[in-house]
């Protein structure tokens, strides 16, 4: 187990619950998340399935969409399942190779990642955090570095089990979400106001990301690379339904809610929207 991974989690004030997605077909989603994603079915209902590791639900799909993911709109860019070791990333890559599923391997310096799309066109990332490889500037912010090709063969040398039907490691977790924002500046301030900490902000690149207090600075990210002031995709298209944020310190949660003012309280928690219109459940 990577020491940095374990230490980093203890420093953070906020973590993600499950990501909820709108899809058009539950059977199709089940094949993808079990055979390609390596997750198990944890519970089912008429229009909803929960997928995850042995102990944790990571992704919940709701069959409420009538069309596949529509590109060019604000909303979800991608979300990421973070793995606890290079051996687990090797297991992910081995499964994709053996199943013949297309993916893009990328080295971000802060992480080693593979990207793929589900059958709806929603982008998923599997990533292994390596924040110790990043260079910080004078303000302790991570310097921007362009992506490079990931050395897949080097990762695969860490493979411990060739079984493609093996369930993902129970220490895998939802580690970040990257959004298409209709206004990066407004979204960035919003996420700072709900407790995230500035990491990088580049107005010229219409990009920013924030940490949750640990060494990994890319917990929430946003860009307007699809175009400024783009609306959310039609509600009946596949994509992000909502995501959940869990606060370690409930006093911080109460302060966030007090500062926001605009929220809806239910038995599940506090429902809010970011400036783009993405729905978030706070606990």
Protein backbone atom coordinates (compact mmCIF):
# COMPACT_ATOMS: atom_id res chain seq x y z
CA UNK A 1 0.00 0.00 0.00
CA UNK A 2 1.25 3.45 -0.91
CA UNK A 3 2.07 5.45 2.24
CA UNK A 4 1.25 8.76 0.56
CA UNK A 5 -2.22 7.49 -0.31
CA UNK A 6 -2.99 6.53 3.29
CA UNK A 7 -1.51 9.67 4.83
CA UNK A 8 -3.25 11.92 2.34
CA UNK A 9 -6.73 10.64 3.19
CA UNK A 10 -6.30 11.43 6.90
CA UNK A 11 -5.50 15.10 6.15
CA UNK A 12 -8.59 15.79 4.10
CA UNK A 13 -11.74 17.46 5.38
CA UNK A 14 -14.09 16.28 2.63
CA UNK A 15 -14.58 13.06 0.67
CA UNK A 16 -16.90 11.83 -2.06
CA UNK A 17 -19.81 9.50 -1.70
CA UNK A 18 -21.16 7.62 -4.69
CA UNK A 19 -21.44 9.23 -8.11
CA UNK A 20 -25.00 9.03 -9.48
CA UNK A 21 -25.41 8.72 -13.25
CA UNK A 22 -28.37 8.87 -15.60
CA UNK A 23 -28.31 6.05 -18.17
CA UNK A 24 -30.56 4.68 -20.90
CA UNK A 25 -30.13 0.95 -20.27
CA UNK A 26 -29.48 -0.95 -17.04
CA UNK A 27 -28.40 -4.19 -18.73
CA UNK A 28 -25.80 -2.33 -20.75
CA UNK A 29 -24.59 -0.49 -17.64
CA UNK A 30 -24.32 -3.75 -15.70
CA UNK A 31 -22.12 -5.36 -18.34
CA UNK A 32 -19.85 -2.33 -18.41
CA UNK A 33 -19.44 -1.81 -14.67
CA UNK A 34 -18.93 -5.48 -13.84
CA UNK A 35 -16.96 -6.83 -16.82
CA UNK A 36 -15.00 -3.67 -17.70
CA UNK A 37 -15.01 -1.65 -14.48
CA UNK A 38 -14.44 -4.60 -12.16
CA UNK A 39 -17.23 -3.57 -9.77
CA UNK A 40 -19.93 -5.76 -8.26
CA UNK A 41 -23.68 -5.25 -8.16
CA UNK A 42 -24.43 -4.22 -4.57
CA UNK A 43 -28.16 -3.60 -4.85
CA UNK A 44 -30.88 -3.28 -7.47
CA UNK A 45 -34.36 -1.81 -7.82
CA UNK A 46 -36.66 -1.37 -10.80
CA UNK A 47 -34.76 1.55 -12.35
CA UNK A 48 -31.56 1.78 -10.26
CA UNK A 49 -28.44 -0.32 -9.68
CA UNK A 50 -25.62 0.31 -7.20
CA UNK A 51 -22.10 -0.83 -8.12
CA UNK A 52 -18.98 -0.91 -5.99
CA UNK A 53 -16.30 -2.88 -4.20
CA UNK A 54 -16.98 -5.50 -1.56
CA UNK A 55 -17.80 -2.89 1.10
CA UNK A 56 -18.46 0.41 -0.67
CA UNK A 57 -20.89 1.72 -3.26
CA UNK A 58 -19.01 3.85 -5.80
CA UNK A 59 -21.40 4.33 -8.73
CA UNK A 60 -25.20 4.38 -8.85
CA UNK A 61 -26.96 4.30 -12.22
CA UNK A 62 -30.55 5.41 -12.78
CA UNK A 63 -32.37 4.39 -15.95
CA UNK A 64 -34.04 7.74 -16.58
CA UNK A 65 -32.31 8.94 -19.78
CA UNK A 66 -33.69 8.68 -23.30
CA UNK A 67 -30.49 9.52 -25.17
CA UNK A 68 -26.75 8.99 -24.73
CA UNK A 69 -24.31 11.52 -23.26
CA UNK A 70 -24.32 14.75 -25.28
CA UNK A 71 -20.98 16.45 -25.81
CA UNK A 72 -20.48 20.21 -25.95
CA UNK A 73 -22.59 21.04 -22.90
CA UNK A 74 -21.70 22.06 -19.37
CA UNK A 75 -21.87 19.42 -16.64
CA UNK A 76 -19.67 16.37 -16.30
CA UNK A 77 -16.24 16.21 -17.96
CA UNK A 78 -15.25 13.01 -16.17
CA UNK A 79 -15.07 11.43 -12.74
CA UNK A 80 -12.41 9.16 -11.31
CA UNK A 81 -12.12 5.99 -9.29
CA UNK A 82 -8.81 6.17 -7.43
CA UNK A 83 -6.86 2.98 -6.79
CA UNK A 84 -4.57 2.41 -3.80
CA UNK A 85 -1.52 0.98 -5.59
CA UNK A 86 0.21 0.52 -8.92
CA UNK A 87 -0.64 -3.17 -8.62
CA UNK A 88 -4.32 -2.27 -8.63
CA UNK A 89 -3.86 0.08 -11.59
CA UNK A 90 -2.09 -2.80 -13.35
CA UNK A 91 -5.12 -4.98 -12.63
CA UNK A 92 -7.39 -2.35 -14.20
CA UNK A 93 -5.20 -2.13 -17.32
CA UNK A 94 -4.91 -5.91 -17.56
CA UNK A 95 -8.70 -6.24 -17.48
CA UNK A 96 -9.09 -3.63 -20.23
CA UNK A 97 -6.42 -5.32 -22.35
CA UNK A 98 -7.89 -8.80 -21.92
CA UNK A 99 -11.42 -7.60 -22.65
CA UNK A 100 -10.21 -5.60 -25.66
CA UNK A 101 -11.79 -2.38 -24.37
CA UNK A 102 -10.32 0.92 -25.66
CA UNK A 103 -8.67 3.30 -23.21
CA UNK A 104 -6.20 6.17 -23.11
CA UNK A 105 -3.22 5.92 -20.71
CA UNK A 106 -1.98 9.27 -19.40
CA UNK A 107 0.74 10.35 -16.96
CA UNK A 108 -0.31 13.61 -15.26
CA UNK A 109 2.71 13.64 -12.89
CA UNK A 110 0.28 14.14 -9.98
CA UNK A 111 -1.27 10.81 -11.01
CA UNK A 112 -1.03 7.86 -13.37
CA UNK A 113 -4.32 7.35 -15.15
CA UNK A 114 -6.34 5.54 -17.78
CA UNK A 115 -9.44 7.04 -19.38
CA UNK A 116 -12.32 5.23 -21.02
CA UNK A 117 -15.93 5.87 -21.96
CA UNK A 118 -18.91 3.83 -20.88
CA UNK A 119 -21.45 2.76 -23.53
CA UNK A 120 -23.35 6.05 -22.99
CA UNK A 121 -20.27 8.15 -23.80
CA UNK A 122 -19.64 9.16 -20.16
CA UNK A 123 -15.90 9.42 -19.44
CA UNK A 124 -14.45 7.50 -16.50
CA UNK A 125 -10.90 7.66 -15.17
CA UNK A 126 -9.05 5.10 -13.07
CA UNK A 127 -6.11 6.80 -11.40
CA UNK A 128 -3.28 6.20 -8.95
CA UNK A 129 -2.28 9.30 -6.98
CA UNK A 130 1.39 10.35 -7.10
CA UNK A 131 1.38 13.91 -5.66
CA UNK A 132 4.95 13.43 -4.42
CA UNK A 133 6.10 13.77 -8.07
CA UNK A 134 4.62 17.28 -8.40
CA UNK A 135 6.60 20.50 -8.17
CA UNK A 136 5.09 23.29 -6.05
CA UNK A 137 5.50 27.01 -6.67
CA UNK A 138 6.24 29.72 -4.10
CA UNK A 139 2.57 29.76 -3.02
CA UNK A 140 2.58 26.01 -2.49
CA UNK A 141 0.34 25.54 -5.51
CA UNK A 142 0.99 22.78 -8.00
CA UNK A 143 2.60 23.95 -11.22
CA UNK A 144 0.73 23.12 -14.39
CA UNK A 145 2.36 20.32 -16.32
CA UNK A 146 1.13 18.87 -19.56
CA UNK A 147 0.02 15.24 -19.76
CA UNK A 148 2.43 12.63 -21.09
CA UNK A 149 1.97 9.10 -22.33
CA UNK A 150 1.80 6.61 -19.47
CA UNK A 151 4.34 3.78 -19.55
CA UNK A 152 1.79 0.96 -19.50
CA UNK A 153 4.40 -1.79 -19.63
CA UNK A 154 6.06 -0.42 -16.50
CA UNK A 155 2.70 -0.40 -14.70
CA UNK A 156 1.91 -3.96 -15.80
CA UNK A 157 5.14 -5.20 -14.22
CA UNK A 158 3.34 -4.64 -10.91
CA UNK A 159 0.50 -7.02 -11.81
CA UNK A 160 -0.05 -9.50 -8.98
CA UNK A 161 -3.10 -11.43 -10.23
CA UNK A 162 -4.02 -12.09 -13.87
CA UNK A 163 -7.67 -12.85 -13.03
CA UNK A 164 -9.78 -10.40 -15.06
CA UNK A 165 -12.90 -11.29 -13.06
CA UNK A 166 -11.30 -10.20 -9.80
CA UNK A 167 -13.27 -7.54 -7.92
CA UNK A 168 -11.59 -4.15 -7.55
CA UNK A 169 -9.70 -3.51 -4.33
CA UNK A 170 -11.88 -2.51 -1.38
CA UNK A 171 -9.68 0.58 -0.87
CA UNK A 172 -10.70 2.03 -4.23
CA UNK A 173 -12.72 5.23 -3.85
CA UNK A 174 -14.25 8.10 -5.79
CA UNK A 175 -11.28 10.45 -5.75
CA UNK A 176 -12.16 13.42 -7.94
CA UNK A 177 -14.68 14.91 -10.28
CA UNK A 178 -13.85 17.20 -13.20
CA UNK A 179 -16.61 19.44 -14.49
CA UNK A 180 -17.34 21.48 -17.57
CA UNK A 181 -18.27 24.85 -16.02
CA UNK A 182 -20.21 27.55 -17.80
CA UNK A 183 -18.15 30.08 -15.82
CA UNK A 184 -14.90 28.84 -14.24
CA UNK A 185 -14.37 31.88 -12.04
CA UNK A 186 -17.81 31.62 -10.42
CA UNK A 187 -17.54 27.85 -10.01
CA UNK A 188 -14.08 28.14 -8.48
CA UNK A 189 -15.26 30.62 -5.85
CA UNK A 190 -18.29 28.46 -5.12
CA UNK A 191 -16.19 25.39 -4.35
CA UNK A 192 -13.84 27.45 -2.20
CA UNK A 193 -16.87 28.67 -0.28
CA UNK A 194 -18.00 25.13 0.47
CA UNK A 195 -14.63 24.15 1.93
CA UNK A 196 -12.26 23.22 -0.87
CA UNK A 197 -8.78 24.76 -1.00
CA UNK A 198 -7.23 26.53 -3.98
CA UNK A 199 -4.60 24.52 -5.79
CA UNK A 200 -4.32 25.86 -9.34
CA UNK A 201 -6.26 28.57 -11.13
CA UNK A 202 -5.46 29.73 -14.64
CA UNK A 203 -7.87 32.26 -16.17
CA UNK A 204 -6.13 32.10 -19.55
CA UNK A 205 -6.63 28.35 -19.69
CA UNK A 206 -10.15 28.65 -18.21
CA UNK A 207 -9.16 25.93 -15.76
CA UNK A 208 -8.93 25.49 -12.03
CA UNK A 209 -8.72 22.76 -9.43
CA UNK A 210 -8.93 22.51 -5.66
CA UNK A 211 -7.86 20.15 -2.89
CA UNK A 212 -9.69 18.88 0.16
CA UNK A 213 -6.77 19.73 2.43
CA UNK A 214 -4.34 16.93 1.58
CA UNK A 215 -1.39 16.69 -0.78
CA UNK A 216 -3.48 15.70 -3.78
CA UNK A 217 -4.69 18.99 -5.28
CA UNK A 218 -7.18 17.71 -7.84
CA UNK A 219 -10.30 16.71 -5.91
CA UNK A 220 -12.61 19.18 -7.68
CA UNK A 221 -11.63 20.49 -11.11
CA UNK A 222 -13.37 22.61 -13.71
CA UNK A 223 -12.79 24.02 -17.15
CA UNK A 224 -14.63 25.79 -19.96
CA UNK A 225 -12.76 24.08 -22.80
CA UNK A 226 -16.13 23.21 -24.34
CA UNK A 227 -17.01 26.93 -24.53
CA UNK A 228 -17.95 29.63 -22.04
CA UNK A 229 -21.58 29.96 -20.91
CA UNK A 230 -22.59 26.64 -22.37
CA UNK A 231 -25.85 25.30 -20.86
CA UNK A 232 -26.32 21.97 -19.15
CA UNK A 233 -27.25 19.10 -21.44
CA UNK A 234 -30.97 18.28 -21.76
CA UNK A 235 -32.24 16.55 -18.62
CA UNK A 236 -33.25 13.41 -20.50
CA UNK A 237 -29.70 12.73 -21.73
CA UNK A 238 -27.25 10.38 -20.02
CA UNK A 239 -24.69 11.93 -17.70
CA UNK A 240 -24.29 13.19 -14.17
CA UNK A 241 -27.39 13.15 -11.99
CA UNK A 242 -25.64 14.29 -8.81
CA UNK A 243 -22.65 13.65 -6.60
CA UNK A 244 -22.27 13.50 -2.83
CA UNK A 245 -19.79 15.28 -0.56
CA UNK A 246 -19.18 14.02 2.96
CA UNK A 247 -17.68 16.41 5.54
CA UNK A 248 -15.45 14.96 8.24
CA UNK A 249 -16.21 17.92 10.52
CA UNK A 250 -19.95 18.44 10.91
CA UNK A 251 -19.33 21.92 12.32
CA UNK A 252 -17.75 22.79 8.97
CA UNK A 253 -20.81 21.39 7.19
CA UNK A 254 -23.11 23.50 9.35
CA UNK A 255 -21.03 26.59 8.58
CA UNK A 256 -21.13 25.84 4.86
CA UNK A 257 -24.90 25.49 4.96
CA UNK A 258 -25.26 28.71 6.93
CA UNK A 259 -23.06 30.57 4.42
CA UNK A 260 -24.90 29.18 1.40
CA UNK A 261 -28.40 29.98 2.53
CA UNK A 262 -29.87 28.45 -0.63
CA UNK A 263 -30.39 24.72 -0.03
CA UNK A 264 -33.05 22.07 0.39
CA UNK A 265 -32.91 19.84 3.45
CA UNK A 266 -34.17 16.25 3.19
CA UNK A 267 -33.63 13.00 5.11
CA UNK A 268 -30.69 12.33 2.78
CA UNK A 269 -28.89 15.59 3.61
CA UNK A 270 -28.60 19.08 2.14
CA UNK A 271 -29.20 19.53 -1.58
CA UNK A 272 -27.44 22.41 -3.35
CA UNK A 273 -26.47 23.41 -6.89
CA UNK A 274 -23.20 24.86 -8.12
CA UNK A 275 -23.25 27.91 -10.45
CA UNK A 276 -23.42 25.66 -13.52
CA UNK A 277 -26.43 23.79 -12.16
CA UNK A 278 -24.80 20.52 -11.06
CA UNK A 279 -26.69 18.97 -8.15
CA UNK A 280 -24.73 18.09 -5.01
CA UNK A 281 -25.81 16.30 -1.84
CA UNK A 282 -23.97 17.40 1.30
CA UNK A 283 -23.68 15.24 4.44
